[in-house]
Amino acid sequence: MAEGRADQAVVCCWTGTGASIAANKVAGVRAALCADATTAAGAREWNDANVLALSLRLTSRQVLTEILDAWFAGTPSTDPEDAANIAYVGEIR
């Protein structure tokens, strides 16, 4: 991501929290810790998240499949209000 070789990434650790915190330190990354498909779809649509963070401890194979399907099927919203929210979050320091 930092070198521009990927548009999206998946990171994981035992809880997913550390992986998401670490990923969000990389410029241009908007990592979202997702425990279900609905959260993954929303992260892609409303937050233009580009890194999916997962918990190795809590995510079953079935739920993982649902999350990945929702994540990779998702696209960022084209709604101007959503775009404004994403830009605003990007300005927070």
Protein backbone atom coordinates (compact mmCIF):
# COMPACT_ATOMS: atom_id res chain seq x y z
CA MET A 1 0.00 0.00 0.00
CA ALA A 2 2.67 2.49 1.01
CA GLU A 3 4.57 1.85 -2.22
CA GLY A 4 1.42 1.89 -4.37
CA ARG A 5 1.63 -1.77 -5.38
CA ALA A 6 -1.83 -2.66 -4.02
CA ASP A 7 -5.22 -0.98 -3.84
CA GLN A 8 -6.40 -3.12 -0.93
CA ALA A 9 -4.90 -5.31 1.77
CA VAL A 10 -5.90 -7.70 4.53
CA VAL A 11 -4.09 -7.70 7.88
CA CYS A 12 -4.70 -9.89 10.89
CA CYS A 13 -3.52 -10.62 14.36
CA TRP A 14 -4.96 -12.43 17.38
CA THR A 15 -7.63 -9.76 18.04
CA GLY A 16 -7.23 -7.67 14.90
CA THR A 17 -6.85 -4.52 16.98
CA GLY A 18 -3.06 -4.27 16.83
CA ALA A 19 -3.02 -5.00 13.11
CA SER A 20 -5.57 -2.26 12.43
CA ILE A 21 -3.72 0.27 14.61
CA ALA A 22 -0.41 -0.52 12.91
CA ALA A 23 -1.93 -0.40 9.42
CA ASN A 24 -3.51 3.00 10.09
CA LYS A 25 -0.05 4.44 10.76
CA VAL A 26 0.80 3.98 7.07
CA ALA A 27 0.04 7.01 4.91
CA GLY A 28 -3.03 6.49 2.74
CA VAL A 29 -4.33 3.52 4.69
CA ARG A 30 -7.86 3.46 6.05
CA ALA A 31 -7.98 0.17 7.94
CA ALA A 32 -11.20 -1.17 9.41
CA LEU A 33 -11.47 -3.97 11.95
CA CYS A 34 -14.43 -6.05 10.78
CA ALA A 35 -16.07 -8.93 12.65
CA ASP A 36 -18.93 -9.50 10.20
CA ALA A 37 -19.96 -8.99 6.58
CA THR A 38 -22.23 -6.03 7.31
CA THR A 39 -19.40 -4.10 8.95
CA ALA A 40 -17.05 -4.96 6.08
CA ALA A 41 -19.54 -3.77 3.47
CA GLY A 42 -20.16 -0.55 5.39
CA ALA A 43 -16.46 0.10 5.86
CA ARG A 44 -15.91 -0.12 2.12
CA GLU A 45 -19.00 1.89 1.18
CA TRP A 46 -19.16 4.68 3.76
CA ASN A 47 -15.52 4.95 4.83
CA ASP A 48 -13.69 3.97 1.64
CA ALA A 49 -11.63 1.61 3.81
CA ASN A 50 -8.81 0.02 1.86
CA VAL A 51 -7.37 -2.34 4.48
CA LEU A 52 -9.42 -5.06 6.12
CA ALA A 53 -8.28 -6.02 9.63
CA LEU A 54 -9.37 -9.37 11.04
CA SER A 55 -9.21 -11.24 14.31
CA LEU A 56 -7.63 -14.68 14.05
CA ARG A 57 -9.20 -15.63 17.38
CA LEU A 58 -12.81 -14.74 16.63
CA THR A 59 -13.25 -15.31 12.90
CA SER A 60 -14.55 -18.72 11.83
CA ARG A 61 -14.04 -20.00 8.29
CA GLN A 62 -17.72 -19.37 7.47
CA VAL A 63 -17.68 -15.82 8.81
CA LEU A 64 -14.33 -15.14 7.11
CA THR A 65 -15.83 -16.15 3.76
CA GLU A 66 -18.79 -13.82 4.33
CA ILE A 67 -16.53 -10.94 5.36
CA LEU A 68 -14.19 -11.37 2.38
CA ASP A 69 -17.08 -11.65 -0.08
CA ALA A 70 -18.66 -8.46 1.29
CA TRP A 71 -15.32 -6.62 1.39
CA PHE A 72 -14.26 -7.41 -2.18
CA ALA A 73 -17.77 -6.82 -3.57
CA GLY A 74 -17.94 -3.44 -1.86
CA THR A 75 -17.26 -0.14 -3.50
CA PRO A 76 -16.93 3.34 -2.05
CA SER A 77 -20.06 5.45 -2.03
CA THR A 78 -20.39 8.18 -4.64
CA ASP A 79 -22.69 10.20 -2.38
CA PRO A 80 -21.18 13.69 -1.88
CA GLU A 81 -21.97 13.60 1.86
CA ASP A 82 -20.08 10.33 2.28
CA ALA A 83 -17.15 11.74 0.28
CA ALA A 84 -17.14 14.82 2.52
CA ASN A 85 -17.06 12.62 5.63
CA ILE A 86 -14.15 10.60 4.24
CA ALA A 87 -12.26 13.80 3.42
CA TYR A 88 -12.95 15.18 6.89
CA VAL A 89 -11.58 12.04 8.57
CA GLY A 90 -8.50 12.32 6.36
CA GLU A 91 -7.86 15.82 7.72
CA ILE A 92 -7.87 14.74 11.38
CA ARG A 93 -4.39 14.78 12.89
